[in-house]
Amino acid sequence: MKNITAFIVLLFLSNIGFAQSGPKINILQAENTVDYGKVYKSSDNGVRSFTFTNTGDTPLNITGIQSTASCTILYKPSQAIAPGKSDRIDIKYNMVPGPIRKTITLETNAVNYEEGRVPLKIKGEVLTN
């Protein structure tokens, strides 16, 4: 009986170790959020970047990006990001006056987010002159 219990514990611990390997995305902005703050429509083009690093041990792939209305993806990596390397996602908010509360979802093979879906948020307020 002790052998069976030891085997089950060993099997469980080995599965935890395997679950930790793979690509991991680390977004450099706090809480995965870009804060526009209070900006004037006439003096801001609405372009911002999310910077990230692959902190895992295999290449990170971004397979898709889902954006809400009012956001355009200007740049996303077309190649896999090697372990230890960084890249960015450039977005453009269309600067509609009023509060900004949007979410962009990255579809990746990152193991540190559920199903590899990484939420990126933008917030702030666009003011008229």
N, C-alpha and C. Protein backbone atom coordinates (compact mmCIF):
# COMPACT_ATOMS: atom_id res chain seq x y z
N MET A 1 0.82 -1.19 0.00
CA MET A 1 0.00 0.00 0.00
C MET A 1 0.87 1.27 0.00
N LYS A 2 1.97 1.22 0.76
CA LYS A 2 2.86 2.38 0.79
C LYS A 2 3.47 2.63 -0.58
N ASN A 3 3.78 1.56 -1.31
CA ASN A 3 4.36 1.71 -2.64
C ASN A 3 3.38 2.37 -3.60
N ILE A 4 2.13 2.00 -3.50
CA ILE A 4 1.12 2.59 -4.38
C ILE A 4 0.95 4.07 -4.06
N THR A 5 0.89 4.41 -2.78
CA THR A 5 0.76 5.81 -2.38
C THR A 5 1.97 6.62 -2.83
N ALA A 6 3.15 6.08 -2.64
CA ALA A 6 4.38 6.77 -3.06
C ALA A 6 4.38 6.97 -4.58
N PHE A 7 3.94 5.96 -5.32
CA PHE A 7 3.88 6.06 -6.77
C PHE A 7 2.91 7.16 -7.20
N ILE A 8 1.75 7.23 -6.57
CA ILE A 8 0.75 8.24 -6.92
C ILE A 8 1.29 9.64 -6.62
N VAL A 9 1.94 9.81 -5.47
CA VAL A 9 2.52 11.11 -5.12
C VAL A 9 3.60 11.48 -6.12
N LEU A 10 4.46 10.54 -6.48
CA LEU A 10 5.51 10.80 -7.46
C LEU A 10 4.93 11.18 -8.82
N LEU A 11 3.91 10.49 -9.23
CA LEU A 11 3.24 10.78 -10.50
C LEU A 11 2.63 12.18 -10.47
N PHE A 12 1.98 12.54 -9.38
CA PHE A 12 1.38 13.86 -9.24
C PHE A 12 2.45 14.95 -9.29
N LEU A 13 3.52 14.79 -8.58
CA LEU A 13 4.59 15.79 -8.56
C LEU A 13 5.26 15.93 -9.93
N SER A 14 5.42 14.84 -10.64
CA SER A 14 6.03 14.94 -11.96
C SER A 14 5.12 15.68 -12.94
N ASN A 15 3.80 15.51 -12.80
CA ASN A 15 2.87 16.24 -13.66
C ASN A 15 2.92 17.73 -13.39
N ILE A 16 3.09 18.13 -12.14
CA ILE A 16 3.21 19.55 -11.82
C ILE A 16 4.46 20.11 -12.47
N GLY A 17 5.54 19.40 -12.45
CA GLY A 17 6.78 19.85 -13.08
C GLY A 17 6.64 20.03 -14.57
N PHE A 18 5.94 19.13 -15.24
CA PHE A 18 5.74 19.25 -16.68
C PHE A 18 4.81 20.40 -17.03
N ALA A 19 3.85 20.68 -16.16
CA ALA A 19 2.90 21.76 -16.44
C ALA A 19 3.58 23.13 -16.45
N GLN A 20 4.73 23.25 -15.83
CA GLN A 20 5.41 24.53 -15.75
C GLN A 20 6.32 24.81 -16.95
N SER A 21 6.58 23.83 -17.78
CA SER A 21 7.45 24.07 -18.93
C SER A 21 6.62 24.56 -20.10
N GLY A 22 7.26 25.32 -20.98
CA GLY A 22 6.57 25.84 -22.14
C GLY A 22 6.75 27.34 -22.22
N PRO A 23 6.16 27.98 -23.22
CA PRO A 23 6.29 29.43 -23.36
C PRO A 23 5.46 30.14 -22.29
N LYS A 24 5.99 31.23 -21.78
CA LYS A 24 5.28 32.05 -20.80
C LYS A 24 5.40 33.50 -21.22
N ILE A 25 4.29 34.19 -21.22
CA ILE A 25 4.29 35.59 -21.62
C ILE A 25 4.23 36.46 -20.37
N ASN A 26 5.09 37.46 -20.33
CA ASN A 26 5.13 38.41 -19.23
C ASN A 26 4.93 39.80 -19.82
N ILE A 27 3.75 40.38 -19.59
CA ILE A 27 3.44 41.72 -20.09
C ILE A 27 4.10 42.73 -19.16
N LEU A 28 4.85 43.68 -19.70
CA LEU A 28 5.61 44.60 -18.87
C LEU A 28 4.76 45.71 -18.25
N GLN A 29 3.58 46.00 -18.81
CA GLN A 29 2.71 47.01 -18.23
C GLN A 29 2.03 46.42 -16.99
N ALA A 30 1.92 47.21 -15.94
CA ALA A 30 1.28 46.76 -14.70
C ALA A 30 -0.15 46.31 -14.98
N GLU A 31 -0.50 45.15 -14.47
CA GLU A 31 -1.84 44.58 -14.61
C GLU A 31 -2.28 44.46 -16.07
N ASN A 32 -1.32 44.30 -16.99
CA ASN A 32 -1.61 44.15 -18.42
C ASN A 32 -2.43 45.33 -18.96
N THR A 33 -2.20 46.52 -18.41
CA THR A 33 -3.02 47.68 -18.75
C THR A 33 -2.18 48.85 -19.24
N VAL A 34 -2.63 49.46 -20.34
CA VAL A 34 -2.07 50.74 -20.79
C VAL A 34 -3.07 51.80 -20.38
N ASP A 35 -2.58 52.78 -19.62
CA ASP A 35 -3.43 53.86 -19.14
C ASP A 35 -3.15 55.11 -19.96
N TYR A 36 -4.11 55.52 -20.76
CA TYR A 36 -3.97 56.73 -21.56
C TYR A 36 -4.00 57.97 -20.68
N GLY A 37 -4.59 57.86 -19.52
CA GLY A 37 -4.79 59.04 -18.68
C GLY A 37 -5.85 59.92 -19.33
N LYS A 38 -5.81 61.20 -19.05
CA LYS A 38 -6.71 62.16 -19.69
C LYS A 38 -5.97 62.79 -20.85
N VAL A 39 -6.47 62.55 -22.05
CA VAL A 39 -5.81 63.05 -23.25
C VAL A 39 -6.81 63.82 -24.11
N TYR A 40 -6.28 64.77 -24.87
CA TYR A 40 -7.11 65.54 -25.80
C TYR A 40 -7.08 64.90 -27.17
N LYS A 41 -8.25 64.78 -27.76
CA LYS A 41 -8.37 64.15 -29.08
C LYS A 41 -7.50 64.85 -30.11
N SER A 42 -7.39 66.16 -30.06
CA SER A 42 -6.65 66.91 -31.07
C SER A 42 -5.14 66.79 -30.93
N SER A 43 -4.65 66.37 -29.77
CA SER A 43 -3.21 66.35 -29.58
C SER A 43 -2.63 64.95 -29.34
N ASP A 44 -3.41 63.91 -29.53
CA ASP A 44 -2.93 62.55 -29.30
C ASP A 44 -3.39 61.66 -30.45
N ASN A 45 -2.47 60.88 -31.02
CA ASN A 45 -2.84 60.01 -32.14
C ASN A 45 -3.45 58.68 -31.69
N GLY A 46 -3.44 58.39 -30.39
CA GLY A 46 -4.07 57.18 -29.87
C GLY A 46 -3.23 55.92 -29.97
N VAL A 47 -1.98 56.02 -30.42
CA VAL A 47 -1.12 54.83 -30.59
C VAL A 47 -0.38 54.53 -29.28
N ARG A 48 -0.45 53.28 -28.86
CA ARG A 48 0.26 52.81 -27.66
C ARG A 48 0.79 51.41 -27.95
N SER A 49 1.70 50.95 -27.08
CA SER A 49 2.30 49.62 -27.24
C SER A 49 2.22 48.82 -25.95
N PHE A 50 1.96 47.54 -26.10
CA PHE A 50 2.11 46.56 -25.02
C PHE A 50 3.43 45.85 -25.29
N THR A 51 4.33 45.89 -24.34
CA THR A 51 5.61 45.21 -24.47
C THR A 51 5.58 43.95 -23.63
N PHE A 52 6.17 42.87 -24.14
CA PHE A 52 6.16 41.60 -23.42
C PHE A 52 7.45 40.85 -23.66
N THR A 53 7.71 39.89 -22.78
CA THR A 53 8.87 39.01 -22.87
C THR A 53 8.42 37.57 -22.74
N ASN A 54 9.04 36.68 -23.51
CA ASN A 54 8.80 35.25 -23.35
C ASN A 54 9.73 34.76 -22.25
N THR A 55 9.18 34.51 -21.07
CA THR A 55 9.99 34.05 -19.93
C THR A 55 9.98 32.53 -19.81
N GLY A 56 9.42 31.85 -20.80
CA GLY A 56 9.39 30.39 -20.79
C GLY A 56 10.62 29.79 -21.44
N ASP A 57 10.51 28.48 -21.71
CA ASP A 57 11.66 27.77 -22.26
C ASP A 57 11.44 27.24 -23.68
N THR A 58 10.33 27.63 -24.31
CA THR A 58 10.06 27.29 -25.71
C THR A 58 9.50 28.53 -26.41
N PRO A 59 9.50 28.56 -27.75
CA PRO A 59 9.01 29.74 -28.48
C PRO A 59 7.54 30.06 -28.18
N LEU A 60 7.26 31.35 -28.10
CA LEU A 60 5.91 31.85 -27.85
C LEU A 60 5.29 32.26 -29.19
N ASN A 61 4.10 31.73 -29.47
CA ASN A 61 3.39 32.07 -30.70
C ASN A 61 2.14 32.87 -30.37
N ILE A 62 1.92 33.95 -31.09
CA ILE A 62 0.67 34.70 -31.00
C ILE A 62 -0.13 34.32 -32.23
N THR A 63 -1.17 33.54 -32.02
CA THR A 63 -1.94 32.99 -33.14
C THR A 63 -3.10 33.86 -33.56
N GLY A 64 -3.52 34.78 -32.69
CA GLY A 64 -4.62 35.66 -33.04
C GLY A 64 -4.79 36.76 -32.02
N ILE A 65 -5.51 37.81 -32.42
CA ILE A 65 -5.83 38.91 -31.54
C ILE A 65 -7.28 39.28 -31.76
N GLN A 66 -8.03 39.33 -30.67
CA GLN A 66 -9.42 39.76 -30.73
C GLN A 66 -9.50 41.15 -30.12
N SER A 67 -9.97 42.10 -30.91
CA SER A 67 -10.03 43.48 -30.47
C SER A 67 -11.47 43.94 -30.41
N THR A 68 -11.78 44.76 -29.43
CA THR A 68 -13.11 45.34 -29.35
C THR A 68 -13.19 46.51 -30.31
N ALA A 69 -14.40 47.03 -30.49
CA ALA A 69 -14.59 48.18 -31.37
C ALA A 69 -13.75 49.35 -30.90
N SER A 70 -13.39 50.19 -31.78
CA SER A 70 -12.61 51.41 -31.54
C SER A 70 -11.12 51.17 -31.40
N CYS A 71 -10.65 49.94 -31.52
CA CYS A 71 -9.22 49.64 -31.42
C CYS A 71 -8.75 48.96 -32.71
N THR A 72 -7.60 49.38 -33.17
CA THR A 72 -6.99 48.78 -34.35
C THR A 72 -5.62 48.24 -33.95
N ILE A 73 -5.30 47.04 -34.41
CA ILE A 73 -3.99 46.46 -34.17
C ILE A 73 -3.07 46.92 -35.29
N LEU A 74 -2.06 47.71 -34.95
CA LEU A 74 -1.13 48.21 -35.96
C LEU A 74 0.03 47.26 -36.21
N TYR A 75 0.46 46.56 -35.16
CA TYR A 75 1.58 45.63 -35.30
C TYR A 75 1.43 44.50 -34.30
N LYS A 76 1.70 43.29 -34.78
CA LYS A 76 1.84 42.12 -33.93
C LYS A 76 2.95 41.27 -34.51
N PRO A 77 3.67 40.55 -33.68
CA PRO A 77 4.76 39.73 -34.20
C PRO A 77 4.24 38.67 -35.16
N SER A 78 4.93 38.51 -36.27
CA SER A 78 4.53 37.49 -37.24
C SER A 78 5.31 36.19 -37.06
N GLN A 79 6.40 36.26 -36.31
CA GLN A 79 7.23 35.09 -36.04
C GLN A 79 7.13 34.73 -34.55
N ALA A 80 7.48 33.50 -34.22
CA ALA A 80 7.51 33.08 -32.82
C ALA A 80 8.58 33.87 -32.06
N ILE A 81 8.31 34.15 -30.80
CA ILE A 81 9.25 34.88 -29.96
C ILE A 81 10.05 33.86 -29.16
N ALA A 82 11.36 33.87 -29.35
CA ALA A 82 12.24 32.90 -28.69
C ALA A 82 12.27 33.15 -27.18
N PRO A 83 12.59 32.11 -26.41
CA PRO A 83 12.72 32.29 -24.95
C PRO A 83 13.71 33.40 -24.62
N GLY A 84 13.31 34.27 -23.69
CA GLY A 84 14.17 35.37 -23.26
C GLY A 84 14.08 36.61 -24.14
N LYS A 85 13.38 36.53 -25.26
CA LYS A 85 13.28 37.67 -26.19
C LYS A 85 12.00 38.46 -25.91
N SER A 86 12.00 39.72 -26.34
CA SER A 86 10.86 40.62 -26.15
C SER A 86 10.33 41.09 -27.49
N ASP A 87 9.09 41.53 -27.48
CA ASP A 87 8.46 42.13 -28.66
C ASP A 87 7.34 43.01 -28.17
N ARG A 88 6.46 43.43 -29.08
CA ARG A 88 5.39 44.35 -28.71
C ARG A 88 4.14 44.11 -29.55
N ILE A 89 3.04 44.65 -29.07
CA ILE A 89 1.78 44.74 -29.80
C ILE A 89 1.46 46.22 -29.84
N ASP A 90 1.34 46.80 -31.04
CA ASP A 90 0.98 48.22 -31.17
C ASP A 90 -0.51 48.32 -31.47
N ILE A 91 -1.17 49.20 -30.73
CA ILE A 91 -2.60 49.41 -30.93
C ILE A 91 -2.87 50.89 -31.18
N LYS A 92 -4.03 51.16 -31.76
CA LYS A 92 -4.47 52.54 -31.96
C LYS A 92 -5.93 52.62 -31.54
N TYR A 93 -6.18 53.48 -30.57
CA TYR A 93 -7.56 53.75 -30.16
C TYR A 93 -8.05 54.91 -31.01
N ASN A 94 -9.31 54.87 -31.45
CA ASN A 94 -9.78 55.88 -32.41
C ASN A 94 -10.14 57.22 -31.77
N MET A 95 -9.87 57.39 -30.48
CA MET A 95 -9.97 58.67 -29.77
C MET A 95 -11.38 59.27 -29.81
N VAL A 96 -12.36 58.43 -29.55
CA VAL A 96 -13.74 58.90 -29.38
C VAL A 96 -13.83 59.59 -28.02
N PRO A 97 -14.33 60.82 -27.96
CA PRO A 97 -14.43 61.50 -26.67
C PRO A 97 -15.24 60.68 -25.65
N GLY A 98 -14.73 60.67 -24.42
CA GLY A 98 -15.37 59.93 -23.34
C GLY A 98 -14.40 58.95 -22.70
N PRO A 99 -14.91 58.16 -21.77
CA PRO A 99 -14.03 57.21 -21.07
C PRO A 99 -13.58 56.07 -21.98
N ILE A 100 -12.39 55.58 -21.73
CA ILE A 100 -11.83 54.43 -22.47
C ILE A 100 -11.82 53.24 -21.52
N ARG A 101 -12.48 52.17 -21.89
CA ARG A 101 -12.45 50.90 -21.17
C ARG A 101 -12.58 49.79 -22.22
N LYS A 102 -11.45 49.31 -22.68
CA LYS A 102 -11.45 48.30 -23.74
C LYS A 102 -10.54 47.14 -23.36
N THR A 103 -10.84 45.97 -23.92
CA THR A 103 -10.01 44.79 -23.72
C THR A 103 -9.66 44.19 -25.06
N ILE A 104 -8.40 43.83 -25.20
CA ILE A 104 -7.89 43.14 -26.38
C ILE A 104 -7.40 41.79 -25.88
N THR A 105 -7.75 40.72 -26.56
CA THR A 105 -7.37 39.38 -26.11
C THR A 105 -6.38 38.76 -27.09
N LEU A 106 -5.21 38.40 -26.57
CA LEU A 106 -4.22 37.68 -27.37
C LEU A 106 -4.49 36.19 -27.27
N GLU A 107 -4.43 35.50 -28.38
CA GLU A 107 -4.52 34.04 -28.40
C GLU A 107 -3.10 33.53 -28.61
N THR A 108 -2.58 32.82 -27.61
CA THR A 108 -1.19 32.39 -27.62
C THR A 108 -1.07 30.93 -27.20
N ASN A 109 0.16 30.45 -27.19
CA ASN A 109 0.43 29.12 -26.65
C ASN A 109 1.08 29.23 -25.26
N ALA A 110 0.92 30.39 -24.60
CA ALA A 110 1.50 30.60 -23.27
C ALA A 110 0.84 29.70 -22.24
N VAL A 111 1.64 29.07 -21.42
CA VAL A 111 1.11 28.14 -20.41
C VAL A 111 0.75 28.85 -19.10
N ASN A 112 1.11 30.11 -18.94
CA ASN A 112 0.80 30.81 -17.70
C ASN A 112 -0.52 31.59 -17.74
N TYR A 113 -1.30 31.42 -18.80
CA TYR A 113 -2.65 31.98 -18.89
C TYR A 113 -3.59 30.86 -19.31
N GLU A 114 -4.78 30.86 -18.75
CA GLU A 114 -5.76 29.82 -19.06
C GLU A 114 -6.05 29.80 -20.55
N GLU A 115 -5.89 28.65 -21.14
CA GLU A 115 -6.09 28.43 -22.58
C GLU A 115 -5.24 29.36 -23.44
N GLY A 116 -4.19 29.96 -22.87
CA GLY A 116 -3.31 30.84 -23.63
C GLY A 116 -3.92 32.17 -24.00
N ARG A 117 -5.08 32.49 -23.42
CA ARG A 117 -5.78 33.75 -23.74
C ARG A 117 -5.32 34.83 -22.77
N VAL A 118 -4.66 35.86 -23.31
CA VAL A 118 -4.05 36.92 -22.50
C VAL A 118 -4.86 38.21 -22.68
N PRO A 119 -5.52 38.70 -21.62
CA PRO A 119 -6.27 39.95 -21.74
C PRO A 119 -5.34 41.15 -21.61
N LEU A 120 -5.47 42.08 -22.54
CA LEU A 120 -4.76 43.36 -22.49
C LEU A 120 -5.83 44.44 -22.37
N LYS A 121 -5.64 45.36 -21.46
CA LYS A 121 -6.66 46.38 -21.21
C LYS A 121 -6.11 47.76 -21.50
N ILE A 122 -7.00 48.62 -21.99
CA ILE A 122 -6.66 50.03 -22.13
C ILE A 122 -7.73 50.82 -21.37
N LYS A 123 -7.28 51.90 -20.74
CA LYS A 123 -8.21 52.74 -20.00
C LYS A 123 -7.75 54.18 -20.11
N GLY A 124 -8.63 55.08 -19.75
CA GLY A 124 -8.31 56.50 -19.77
C GLY A 124 -9.54 57.30 -20.11
N GLU A 125 -9.31 58.53 -20.56
CA GLU A 125 -10.42 59.39 -20.95
C GLU A 125 -9.96 60.32 -22.06
N VAL A 126 -10.76 60.40 -23.11
CA VAL A 126 -10.49 61.31 -24.22
C VAL A 126 -11.34 62.55 -24.01
N LEU A 127 -10.66 63.69 -23.99
CA LEU A 127 -11.34 64.98 -23.79
C LEU A 127 -11.41 65.74 -25.10
N THR A 128 -12.43 66.55 -25.25
CA THR A 128 -12.52 67.44 -26.41
C THR A 128 -11.81 68.73 -26.04
N ASN A 129 -11.45 69.51 -27.04
CA ASN A 129 -10.73 70.77 -26.78
C ASN A 129 -11.59 71.62 -25.94
